[in-house]
Amino acid sequence: MRLDKFLKTARIIKRRPIAKKVADNKKIKINGKIAKSAANIKVGDILEVEYFNRYMKIEVLEVPKGNVKKEDASELIKVLETKKIETNELAFLEEDELNEEL
């Protein structure tokens, strides 16, 4: 499954276009390497995501074949670390998208 689709399916990022923009701005790593939005995700991968003012380190436990129910999304990942970060990197999001996410 593509990285951007996985982030949306696992409900880490609400919308796929936003996940793509975050990846295109080099804010997502897979196993320590900067990843593009089309990168394939597999079980055991460690994702590092910088999104708005937070950093998340996540282990992929399961890659679904399609969409999953909201209540089942948490079974796809294991959160290893989260922290708030100081950043002013919201500039890559357009104003309308930023308002939707907030």
PDB file of N, CA and C in Angstrom:
ATOM      1  N   MET A   1       0.854  -1.182   0.000  1.00  0.00           N
ATOM      2  CA  MET A   1       0.000   0.000   0.000  1.00  0.00           C
ATOM      3  C   MET A   1       0.895   1.238   0.000  1.00  0.00           C
ATOM      4  N   ARG A   2       0.464   2.243  -0.745  1.00  0.00           N
ATOM      5  CA  ARG A   2       1.201   3.508  -0.792  1.00  0.00           C
ATOM      6  C   ARG A   2       1.227   4.183   0.581  1.00  0.00           C
ATOM      7  N   LEU A   3       2.299   4.914   0.841  1.00  0.00           N
ATOM      8  CA  LEU A   3       2.468   5.616   2.106  1.00  0.00           C
ATOM      9  C   LEU A   3       1.317   6.579   2.368  1.00  0.00           C
ATOM     10  N   ASP A   4       0.968   7.416   1.407  1.00  0.00           N
ATOM     11  CA  ASP A   4      -0.081   8.410   1.643  1.00  0.00           C
ATOM     12  C   ASP A   4      -1.429   7.754   1.918  1.00  0.00           C
ATOM     13  N   LYS A   5      -1.728   6.665   1.225  1.00  0.00           N
ATOM     14  CA  LYS A   5      -2.985   5.963   1.467  1.00  0.00           C
ATOM     15  C   LYS A   5      -2.975   5.295   2.845  1.00  0.00           C
ATOM     16  N   PHE A   6      -1.839   4.732   3.249  1.00  0.00           N
ATOM     17  CA  PHE A   6      -1.746   4.097   4.562  1.00  0.00           C
ATOM     18  C   PHE A   6      -1.959   5.118   5.683  1.00  0.00           C
ATOM     19  N   LEU A   7      -1.349   6.288   5.554  1.00  0.00           N
ATOM     20  CA  LEU A   7      -1.505   7.322   6.584  1.00  0.00           C
ATOM     21  C   LEU A   7      -2.958   7.732   6.745  1.00  0.00           C
ATOM     22  N   LYS A   8      -3.685   7.790   5.634  1.00  0.00           N
ATOM     23  CA  LYS A   8      -5.113   8.118   5.704  1.00  0.00           C
ATOM     24  C   LYS A   8      -5.907   6.958   6.284  1.00  0.00           C
ATOM     25  N   THR A   9      -5.645   5.732   5.809  1.00  0.00           N
ATOM     26  CA  THR A   9      -6.382   4.555   6.271  1.00  0.00           C
ATOM     27  C   THR A   9      -6.170   4.314   7.763  1.00  0.00           C
ATOM     28  N   ALA A  10      -4.946   4.522   8.232  1.00  0.00           N
ATOM     29  CA  ALA A  10      -4.632   4.325   9.652  1.00  0.00           C
ATOM     30  C   ALA A  10      -5.044   5.532  10.497  1.00  0.00           C
ATOM     31  N   ARG A  11      -5.586   6.545   9.846  1.00  0.00           N
ATOM     32  CA  ARG A  11      -6.068   7.763  10.492  1.00  0.00           C
ATOM     33  C   ARG A  11      -4.980   8.536  11.235  1.00  0.00           C
ATOM     34  N   ILE A  12      -3.783   8.506  10.671  1.00  0.00           N
ATOM     35  CA  ILE A  12      -2.691   9.316  11.201  1.00  0.00           C
ATOM     36  C   ILE A  12      -2.825  10.737  10.659  1.00  0.00           C
ATOM     37  N   ILE A  13      -3.165  10.832   9.369  1.00  0.00           N
ATOM     38  CA  ILE A  13      -3.454  12.105   8.715  1.00  0.00           C
ATOM     39  C   ILE A  13      -4.839  11.973   8.095  1.00  0.00           C
ATOM     40  N   LYS A  14      -5.646  12.991   8.274  1.00  0.00           N
ATOM     41  CA  LYS A  14      -7.062  12.905   7.920  1.00  0.00           C
ATOM     42  C   LYS A  14      -7.343  12.709   6.425  1.00  0.00           C
ATOM     43  N   ARG A  15      -6.571  13.387   5.570  1.00  0.00           N
ATOM     44  CA  ARG A  15      -6.850  13.335   4.126  1.00  0.00           C
ATOM     45  C   ARG A  15      -5.599  12.945   3.350  1.00  0.00           C
ATOM     46  N   ARG A  16      -5.803  12.170   2.296  1.00  0.00           N
ATOM     47  CA  ARG A  16      -4.687  11.673   1.487  1.00  0.00           C
ATOM     48  C   ARG A  16      -3.893  12.797   0.799  1.00  0.00           C
ATOM     49  N   PRO A  17      -4.539  13.825   0.239  1.00  0.00           N
ATOM     50  CA  PRO A  17      -3.749  14.906  -0.373  1.00  0.00           C
ATOM     51  C   PRO A  17      -2.831  15.613   0.636  1.00  0.00           C
ATOM     52  N   ILE A  18      -3.280  15.716   1.859  1.00  0.00           N
ATOM     53  CA  ILE A  18      -2.446  16.330   2.897  1.00  0.00           C
ATOM     54  C   ILE A  18      -1.264  15.408   3.204  1.00  0.00           C
ATOM     55  N   ALA A  19      -1.515  14.113   3.300  1.00  0.00           N
ATOM     56  CA  ALA A  19      -0.436  13.139   3.540  1.00  0.00           C
ATOM     57  C   ALA A  19       0.595  13.220   2.419  1.00  0.00           C
ATOM     58  N   LYS A  20       0.125  13.390   1.184  1.00  0.00           N
ATOM     59  CA  LYS A  20       1.034  13.507   0.044  1.00  0.00           C
ATOM     60  C   LYS A  20       1.889  14.763   0.162  1.00  0.00           C
ATOM     61  N   LYS A  21       1.285  15.872   0.547  1.00  0.00           N
ATOM     62  CA  LYS A  21       2.044  17.117   0.700  1.00  0.00           C
ATOM     63  C   LYS A  21       3.077  17.011   1.817  1.00  0.00           C
ATOM     64  N   VAL A  22       2.712  16.371   2.913  1.00  0.00           N
ATOM     65  CA  VAL A  22       3.662  16.197   4.014  1.00  0.00           C
ATOM     66  C   VAL A  22       4.848  15.368   3.534  1.00  0.00           C
ATOM     67  N   ALA A  23       4.587  14.288   2.820  1.00  0.00           N
ATOM     68  CA  ALA A  23       5.661  13.438   2.297  1.00  0.00           C
ATOM     69  C   ALA A  23       6.503  14.198   1.270  1.00  0.00           C
ATOM     70  N   ASP A  24       5.868  14.941   0.390  1.00  0.00           N
ATOM     71  CA  ASP A  24       6.592  15.693  -0.639  1.00  0.00           C
ATOM     72  C   ASP A  24       7.482  16.775  -0.035  1.00  0.00           C
ATOM     73  N   ASN A  25       7.177  17.201   1.166  1.00  0.00           N
ATOM     74  CA  ASN A  25       7.999  18.185   1.868  1.00  0.00           C
ATOM     75  C   ASN A  25       9.033  17.533   2.783  1.00  0.00           C
ATOM     76  N   LYS A  26       9.287  16.254   2.555  1.00  0.00           N
ATOM     77  CA  LYS A  26      10.345  15.498   3.240  1.00  0.00           C
ATOM     78  C   LYS A  26      10.152  15.453   4.754  1.00  0.00           C
ATOM     79  N   LYS A  27       8.904  15.301   5.178  1.00  0.00           N
ATOM     80  CA  LYS A  27       8.588  15.252   6.607  1.00  0.00           C
ATOM     81  C   LYS A  27       8.242  13.843   7.077  1.00  0.00           C
ATOM     82  N   ILE A  28       8.416  12.845   6.207  1.00  0.00           N
ATOM     83  CA  ILE A  28       8.110  11.463   6.576  1.00  0.00           C
ATOM     84  C   ILE A  28       9.306  10.585   6.232  1.00  0.00           C
ATOM     85  N   LYS A  29       9.677   9.737   7.170  1.00  0.00           N
ATOM     86  CA  LYS A  29      10.758   8.785   6.951  1.00  0.00           C
ATOM     87  C   LYS A  29      10.221   7.370   7.147  1.00  0.00           C
ATOM     88  N   ILE A  30      10.739   6.457   6.338  1.00  0.00           N
ATOM     89  CA  ILE A  30      10.467   5.032   6.507  1.00  0.00           C
ATOM     90  C   ILE A  30      11.796   4.380   6.825  1.00  0.00           C
ATOM     91  N   ASN A  31      11.880   3.761   7.978  1.00  0.00           N
ATOM     92  CA  ASN A  31      13.116   3.108   8.420  1.00  0.00           C
ATOM     93  C   ASN A  31      14.323   4.042   8.317  1.00  0.00           C
ATOM     94  N   GLY A  32      14.124   5.311   8.703  1.00  0.00           N
ATOM     95  CA  GLY A  32      15.213   6.279   8.750  1.00  0.00           C
ATOM     96  C   GLY A  32      15.529   6.986   7.450  1.00  0.00           C
ATOM     97  N   LYS A  33      14.854   6.647   6.351  1.00  0.00           N
ATOM     98  CA  LYS A  33      15.112   7.282   5.055  1.00  0.00           C
ATOM     99  C   LYS A  33      13.904   8.116   4.644  1.00  0.00           C
ATOM    100  N   ILE A  34      14.168   9.304   4.107  1.00  0.00           N
ATOM    101  CA  ILE A  34      13.087  10.167   3.650  1.00  0.00           C
ATOM    102  C   ILE A  34      12.283   9.429   2.583  1.00  0.00           C
ATOM    103  N   ALA A  35      10.951   9.474   2.717  1.00  0.00           N
ATOM    104  CA  ALA A  35      10.073   8.699   1.836  1.00  0.00           C
ATOM    105  C   ALA A  35       9.191   9.605   0.996  1.00  0.00           C
ATOM    106  N   LYS A  36       8.903   9.143  -0.213  1.00  0.00           N
ATOM    107  CA  LYS A  36       7.945   9.818  -1.080  1.00  0.00           C
ATOM    108  C   LYS A  36       6.560   9.235  -0.818  1.00  0.00           C
ATOM    109  N   SER A  37       5.539   9.947  -1.254  1.00  0.00           N
ATOM    110  CA  SER A  37       4.166   9.520  -0.984  1.00  0.00           C
ATOM    111  C   SER A  37       3.815   8.192  -1.648  1.00  0.00           C
ATOM    112  N   ALA A  38       4.502   7.825  -2.722  1.00  0.00           N
ATOM    113  CA  ALA A  38       4.212   6.578  -3.431  1.00  0.00           C
ATOM    114  C   ALA A  38       4.993   5.382  -2.894  1.00  0.00           C
ATOM    115  N   ALA A  39       5.809   5.591  -1.864  1.00  0.00           N
ATOM    116  CA  ALA A  39       6.600   4.492  -1.297  1.00  0.00           C
ATOM    117  C   ALA A  39       5.673   3.403  -0.758  1.00  0.00           C
ATOM    118  N   ASN A  40       6.089   2.156  -0.916  1.00  0.00           N
ATOM    119  CA  ASN A  40       5.290   1.034  -0.413  1.00  0.00           C
ATOM    120  C   ASN A  40       5.553   0.798   1.060  1.00  0.00           C
ATOM    121  N   ILE A  41       4.484   0.549   1.804  1.00  0.00           N
ATOM    122  CA  ILE A  41       4.553   0.264   3.230  1.00  0.00           C
ATOM    123  C   ILE A  41       4.423  -1.236   3.410  1.00  0.00           C
ATOM    124  N   LYS A  42       5.218  -1.782   4.343  1.00  0.00           N
ATOM    125  CA  LYS A  42       5.074  -3.203   4.670  1.00  0.00           C
ATOM    126  C   LYS A  42       5.128  -3.379   6.184  1.00  0.00           C
ATOM    127  N   VAL A  43       4.665  -4.526   6.640  1.00  0.00           N
ATOM    128  CA  VAL A  43       4.646  -4.827   8.070  1.00  0.00           C
ATOM    129  C   VAL A  43       6.069  -4.748   8.615  1.00  0.00           C
ATOM    130  N   GLY A  44       6.208  -4.097   9.764  1.00  0.00           N
ATOM    131  CA  GLY A  44       7.502  -3.963  10.411  1.00  0.00           C
ATOM    132  C   GLY A  44       8.200  -2.651  10.122  1.00  0.00           C
ATOM    133  N   ASP A  45       7.721  -1.895   9.150  1.00  0.00           N
ATOM    134  CA  ASP A  45       8.324  -0.597   8.850  1.00  0.00           C
ATOM    135  C   ASP A  45       8.134   0.350  10.021  1.00  0.00           C
ATOM    136  N   ILE A  46       9.133   1.196  10.232  1.00  0.00           N
ATOM    137  CA  ILE A  46       9.056   2.245  11.248  1.00  0.00           C
ATOM    138  C   ILE A  46       8.889   3.572  10.521  1.00  0.00           C
ATOM    139  N   LEU A  47       7.778   4.246  10.778  1.00  0.00           N
ATOM    140  CA  LEU A  47       7.492   5.541  10.163  1.00  0.00           C
ATOM    141  C   LEU A  47       7.783   6.654  11.154  1.00  0.00           C
ATOM    142  N   GLU A  48       8.409   7.712  10.681  1.00  0.00           N
ATOM    143  CA  GLU A  48       8.607   8.922  11.474  1.00  0.00           C
ATOM    144  C   GLU A  48       7.902  10.045  10.726  1.00  0.00           C
ATOM    145  N   VAL A  49       6.932  10.650  11.366  1.00  0.00           N
ATOM    146  CA  VAL A  49       6.088  11.647  10.720  1.00  0.00           C
ATOM    147  C   VAL A  49       6.156  12.956  11.495  1.00  0.00           C
ATOM    148  N   GLU A  50       6.512  14.037  10.803  1.00  0.00           N
ATOM    149  CA  GLU A  50       6.423  15.384  11.364  1.00  0.00           C
ATOM    150  C   GLU A  50       5.220  16.041  10.716  1.00  0.00           C
ATOM    151  N   TYR A  51       4.204  16.301  11.512  1.00  0.00           N
ATOM    152  CA  TYR A  51       2.951  16.824  10.985  1.00  0.00           C
ATOM    153  C   TYR A  51       2.469  17.926  11.902  1.00  0.00           C
ATOM    154  N   PHE A  52       2.378  19.132  11.351  1.00  0.00           N
ATOM    155  CA  PHE A  52       2.084  20.338  12.119  1.00  0.00           C
ATOM    156  C   PHE A  52       3.088  20.467  13.246  1.00  0.00           C
ATOM    157  N   ASN A  53       2.638  20.446  14.487  1.00  0.00           N
ATOM    158  CA  ASN A  53       3.552  20.663  15.608  1.00  0.00           C
ATOM    159  C   ASN A  53       3.814  19.379  16.391  1.00  0.00           C
ATOM    160  N   ARG A  54       3.729  18.225  15.719  1.00  0.00           N
ATOM    161  CA  ARG A  54       3.981  16.985  16.438  1.00  0.00           C
ATOM    162  C   ARG A  54       4.856  16.042  15.622  1.00  0.00           C
ATOM    163  N   TYR A  55       5.544  15.205  16.339  1.00  0.00           N
ATOM    164  CA  TYR A  55       6.401  14.176  15.760  1.00  0.00           C
ATOM    165  C   TYR A  55       5.875  12.844  16.276  1.00  0.00           C
ATOM    166  N   MET A  56       5.727  11.893  15.366  1.00  0.00           N
ATOM    167  CA  MET A  56       5.254  10.564  15.752  1.00  0.00           C
ATOM    168  C   MET A  56       6.180   9.525  15.155  1.00  0.00           C
ATOM    169  N   LYS A  57       6.534   8.555  15.968  1.00  0.00           N
ATOM    170  CA  LYS A  57       7.290   7.398  15.502  1.00  0.00           C
ATOM    171  C   LYS A  57       6.363   6.204  15.642  1.00  0.00           C
ATOM    172  N   ILE A  58       6.129   5.500  14.530  1.00  0.00           N
ATOM    173  CA  ILE A  58       5.080   4.489  14.467  1.00  0.00           C
ATOM    174  C   ILE A  58       5.628   3.214  13.843  1.00  0.00           C
ATOM    175  N   GLU A  59       5.230   2.083  14.392  1.00  0.00           N
ATOM    176  CA  GLU A  59       5.547   0.797  13.781  1.00  0.00           C
ATOM    177  C   GLU A  59       4.301   0.285  13.062  1.00  0.00           C
ATOM    178  N   VAL A  60       4.483  -0.199  11.839  1.00  0.00           N
ATOM    179  CA  VAL A  60       3.378  -0.744  11.055  1.00  0.00           C
ATOM    180  C   VAL A  60       3.157  -2.195  11.480  1.00  0.00           C
ATOM    181  N   LEU A  61       1.980  -2.489  12.029  1.00  0.00           N
ATOM    182  CA  LEU A  61       1.647  -3.841  12.476  1.00  0.00           C
ATOM    183  C   LEU A  61       0.904  -4.638  11.413  1.00  0.00           C
ATOM    184  N   GLU A  62       0.138  -3.933  10.589  1.00  0.00           N
ATOM    185  CA  GLU A  62      -0.662  -4.598   9.566  1.00  0.00           C
ATOM    186  C   GLU A  62      -0.905  -3.632   8.415  1.00  0.00           C
ATOM    187  N   VAL A  63      -0.827  -4.159   7.204  1.00  0.00           N
ATOM    188  CA  VAL A  63      -1.147  -3.368   6.021  1.00  0.00           C
ATOM    189  C   VAL A  63      -2.456  -3.920   5.467  1.00  0.00           C
ATOM    190  N   PRO A  64      -3.526  -3.130   5.523  1.00  0.00           N
ATOM    191  CA  PRO A  64      -4.832  -3.629   5.065  1.00  0.00           C
ATOM    192  C   PRO A  64      -4.901  -3.733   3.547  1.00  0.00           C
ATOM    193  N   LYS A  65      -5.796  -4.552   3.079  1.00  0.00           N
ATOM    194  CA  LYS A  65      -6.016  -4.713   1.635  1.00  0.00           C
ATOM    195  C   LYS A  65      -6.858  -3.558   1.073  1.00  0.00           C
ATOM    196  N   GLY A  66      -7.692  -2.957   1.903  1.00  0.00           N
ATOM    197  CA  GLY A  66      -8.558  -1.863   1.475  1.00  0.00           C
ATOM    198  C   GLY A  66      -8.831  -0.944   2.650  1.00  0.00           C
ATOM    199  N   ASN A  67     -10.000  -0.352   2.662  1.00  0.00           N
ATOM    200  CA  ASN A  67     -10.382   0.527   3.766  1.00  0.00           C
ATOM    201  C   ASN A  67     -10.704  -0.290   5.012  1.00  0.00           C
ATOM    202  N   VAL A  68     -10.579   0.349   6.158  1.00  0.00           N
ATOM    203  CA  VAL A  68     -10.899  -0.310   7.429  1.00  0.00           C
ATOM    204  C   VAL A  68     -11.855   0.568   8.218  1.00  0.00           C
ATOM    205  N   LYS A  69     -12.567  -0.047   9.130  1.00  0.00           N
ATOM    206  CA  LYS A  69     -13.471   0.705   9.987  1.00  0.00           C
ATOM    207  C   LYS A  69     -12.671   1.610  10.909  1.00  0.00           C
ATOM    208  N   LYS A  70     -13.281   2.704  11.294  1.00  0.00           N
ATOM    209  CA  LYS A  70     -12.621   3.681  12.155  1.00  0.00           C
ATOM    210  C   LYS A  70     -12.117   3.034  13.445  1.00  0.00           C
ATOM    211  N   GLU A  71     -12.935   2.187  14.039  1.00  0.00           N
ATOM    212  CA  GLU A  71     -12.548   1.570  15.310  1.00  0.00           C
ATOM    213  C   GLU A  71     -11.440   0.523  15.148  1.00  0.00           C
ATOM    214  N   ASP A  72     -11.222   0.033  13.922  1.00  0.00           N
ATOM    215  CA  ASP A  72     -10.178  -0.956  13.681  1.00  0.00           C
ATOM    216  C   ASP A  72      -8.857  -0.332  13.238  1.00  0.00           C
ATOM    217  N   ALA A  73      -8.846   0.953  12.951  1.00  0.00           N
ATOM    218  CA  ALA A  73      -7.657   1.623  12.435  1.00  0.00           C
ATOM    219  C   ALA A  73      -6.492   1.575  13.423  1.00  0.00           C
ATOM    220  N   SER A  74      -6.767   1.635  14.709  1.00  0.00           N
ATOM    221  CA  SER A  74      -5.690   1.631  15.705  1.00  0.00           C
ATOM    222  C   SER A  74      -4.940   0.306  15.757  1.00  0.00           C
ATOM    223  N   GLU A  75      -5.522  -0.760  15.201  1.00  0.00           N
ATOM    224  CA  GLU A  75      -4.855  -2.058  15.193  1.00  0.00           C
ATOM    225  C   GLU A  75      -3.793  -2.157  14.096  1.00  0.00           C
ATOM    226  N   LEU A  76      -3.744  -1.179  13.209  1.00  0.00           N
ATOM    227  CA  LEU A  76      -2.775  -1.195  12.114  1.00  0.00           C
ATOM    228  C   LEU A  76      -1.392  -0.730  12.543  1.00  0.00           C
ATOM    229  N   ILE A  77      -1.336   0.062  13.622  1.00  0.00           N
ATOM    230  CA  ILE A  77      -0.074   0.682  14.027  1.00  0.00           C
ATOM    231  C   ILE A  77       0.185   0.527  15.519  1.00  0.00           C
ATOM    232  N   LYS A  78       1.431   0.720  15.874  1.00  0.00           N
ATOM    233  CA  LYS A  78       1.826   0.810  17.276  1.00  0.00           C
ATOM    234  C   LYS A  78       2.624   2.102  17.396  1.00  0.00           C
ATOM    235  N   VAL A  79       2.159   3.013  18.231  1.00  0.00           N
ATOM    236  CA  VAL A  79       2.839   4.293  18.414  1.00  0.00           C
ATOM    237  C   VAL A  79       4.015   4.074  19.363  1.00  0.00           C
ATOM    238  N   LEU A  80       5.216   4.342  18.867  1.00  0.00           N
ATOM    239  CA  LEU A  80       6.421   4.154  19.662  1.00  0.00           C
ATOM    240  C   LEU A  80       6.814   5.413  20.416  1.00  0.00           C
ATOM    241  N   GLU A  81       6.536   6.584  19.808  1.00  0.00           N
ATOM    242  CA  GLU A  81       6.934   7.844  20.422  1.00  0.00           C
ATOM    243  C   GLU A  81       6.114   8.979  19.824  1.00  0.00           C
ATOM    244  N   THR A  82       5.743   9.918  20.654  1.00  0.00           N
ATOM    245  CA  THR A  82       5.115  11.156  20.173  1.00  0.00           C
ATOM    246  C   THR A  82       5.690  12.312  20.976  1.00  0.00           C
ATOM    247  N   LYS A  83       5.826  13.443  20.323  1.00  0.00           N
ATOM    248  CA  LYS A  83       6.261  14.642  21.034  1.00  0.00           C
ATOM    249  C   LYS A  83       5.856  15.861  20.233  1.00  0.00           C
ATOM    250  N   LYS A  84       5.706  16.960  20.926  1.00  0.00           N
ATOM    251  CA  LYS A  84       5.419  18.227  20.260  1.00  0.00           C
ATOM    252  C   LYS A  84       6.741  18.820  19.808  1.00  0.00           C
ATOM    253  N   ILE A  85       6.694  19.487  18.667  1.00  0.00           N
ATOM    254  CA  ILE A  85       7.883  20.143  18.146  1.00  0.00           C
ATOM    255  C   ILE A  85       7.574  21.589  17.831  1.00  0.00           C
ATOM    256  N   GLU A  86       8.588  22.419  17.927  1.00  0.00           N
ATOM    257  CA  GLU A  86       8.449  23.826  17.569  1.00  0.00           C
ATOM    258  C   GLU A  86       8.720  23.940  16.077  1.00  0.00           C
ATOM    259  N   THR A  87       7.747  24.431  15.325  1.00  0.00           N
ATOM    260  CA  THR A  87       7.939  24.575  13.896  1.00  0.00           C
ATOM    261  C   THR A  87       7.079  25.693  13.358  1.00  0.00           C
ATOM    262  N   ASN A  88       7.540  26.253  12.283  1.00  0.00           N
ATOM    263  CA  ASN A  88       6.772  27.250  11.555  1.00  0.00           C
ATOM    264  C   ASN A  88       6.683  26.801  10.100  1.00  0.00           C
ATOM    265  N   GLU A  89       6.452  25.522   9.893  1.00  0.00           N
ATOM    266  CA  GLU A  89       6.488  24.939   8.561  1.00  0.00           C
ATOM    267  C   GLU A  89       5.097  24.664   8.018  1.00  0.00           C
ATOM    268  N   LEU A  90       4.132  25.461   8.384  1.00  0.00           N
ATOM    269  CA  LEU A  90       2.786  25.294   7.863  1.00  0.00           C
ATOM    270  C   LEU A  90       2.633  25.960   6.503  1.00  0.00           C
ATOM    271  N   ALA A  91       3.680  26.605   6.038  1.00  0.00           N
ATOM    272  CA  ALA A  91       3.606  27.376   4.805  1.00  0.00           C
ATOM    273  C   ALA A  91       3.304  26.516   3.581  1.00  0.00           C
ATOM    274  N   PHE A  92       3.660  25.243   3.612  1.00  0.00           N
ATOM    275  CA  PHE A  92       3.441  24.415   2.436  1.00  0.00           C
ATOM    276  C   PHE A  92       1.980  24.021   2.273  1.00  0.00           C
ATOM    277  N   LEU A  93       1.159  24.214   3.278  1.00  0.00           N
ATOM    278  CA  LEU A  93      -0.272  23.943   3.159  1.00  0.00           C
ATOM    279  C   LEU A  93      -0.974  25.218   2.700  1.00  0.00           C
ATOM    280  N   GLU A  94      -1.924  25.049   1.819  1.00  0.00           N
ATOM    281  CA  GLU A  94      -2.701  26.196   1.394  1.00  0.00           C
ATOM    282  C   GLU A  94      -3.659  26.593   2.509  1.00  0.00           C
ATOM    283  N   GLU A  95      -4.058  27.824   2.523  1.00  0.00           N
ATOM    284  CA  GLU A  95      -4.869  28.362   3.611  1.00  0.00           C
ATOM    285  C   GLU A  95      -6.148  27.562   3.838  1.00  0.00           C
ATOM    286  N   ASP A  96      -6.860  27.174   2.767  1.00  0.00           N
ATOM    287  CA  ASP A  96      -8.097  26.409   2.908  1.00  0.00           C
ATOM    288  C   ASP A  96      -7.842  25.052   3.563  1.00  0.00           C
ATOM    289  N   GLU A  97      -6.760  24.391   3.165  1.00  0.00           N
ATOM    290  CA  GLU A  97      -6.437  23.083   3.733  1.00  0.00           C
ATOM    291  C   GLU A  97      -6.066  23.216   5.195  1.00  0.00           C
ATOM    292  N   LEU A  98      -5.350  24.265   5.531  1.00  0.00           N
ATOM    293  CA  LEU A  98      -4.946  24.493   6.908  1.00  0.00           C
ATOM    294  C   LEU A  98      -6.171  24.697   7.787  1.00  0.00           C
ATOM    295  N   ASN A  99      -7.124  25.488   7.332  1.00  0.00           N
ATOM    296  CA  ASN A  99      -8.342  25.708   8.099  1.00  0.00           C
ATOM    297  C   ASN A  99      -9.136  24.436   8.271  1.00  0.00           C
ATOM    298  N   GLU A 100      -9.152  23.562   7.251  1.00  0.00           N
ATOM    299  CA  GLU A 100      -9.867  22.294   7.361  1.00  0.00           C
ATOM    300  C   GLU A 100      -9.223  21.387   8.408  1.00  0.00           C
ATOM    301  N   GLU A 101      -7.895  21.358   8.430  1.00  0.00           N
ATOM    302  CA  GLU A 101      -7.192  20.470   9.343  1.00  0.00           C
ATOM    303  C   GLU A 101      -7.311  20.948  10.794  1.00  0.00           C
ATOM    304  N   LEU A 102      -7.371  22.276  10.988  1.00  0.00           N
ATOM    305  CA  LEU A 102      -7.485  22.798  12.347  1.00  0.00           C
ATOM    306  C   LEU A 102      -8.923  22.729  12.771  1.00  0.00           C
TER     307      LEU A 102
END
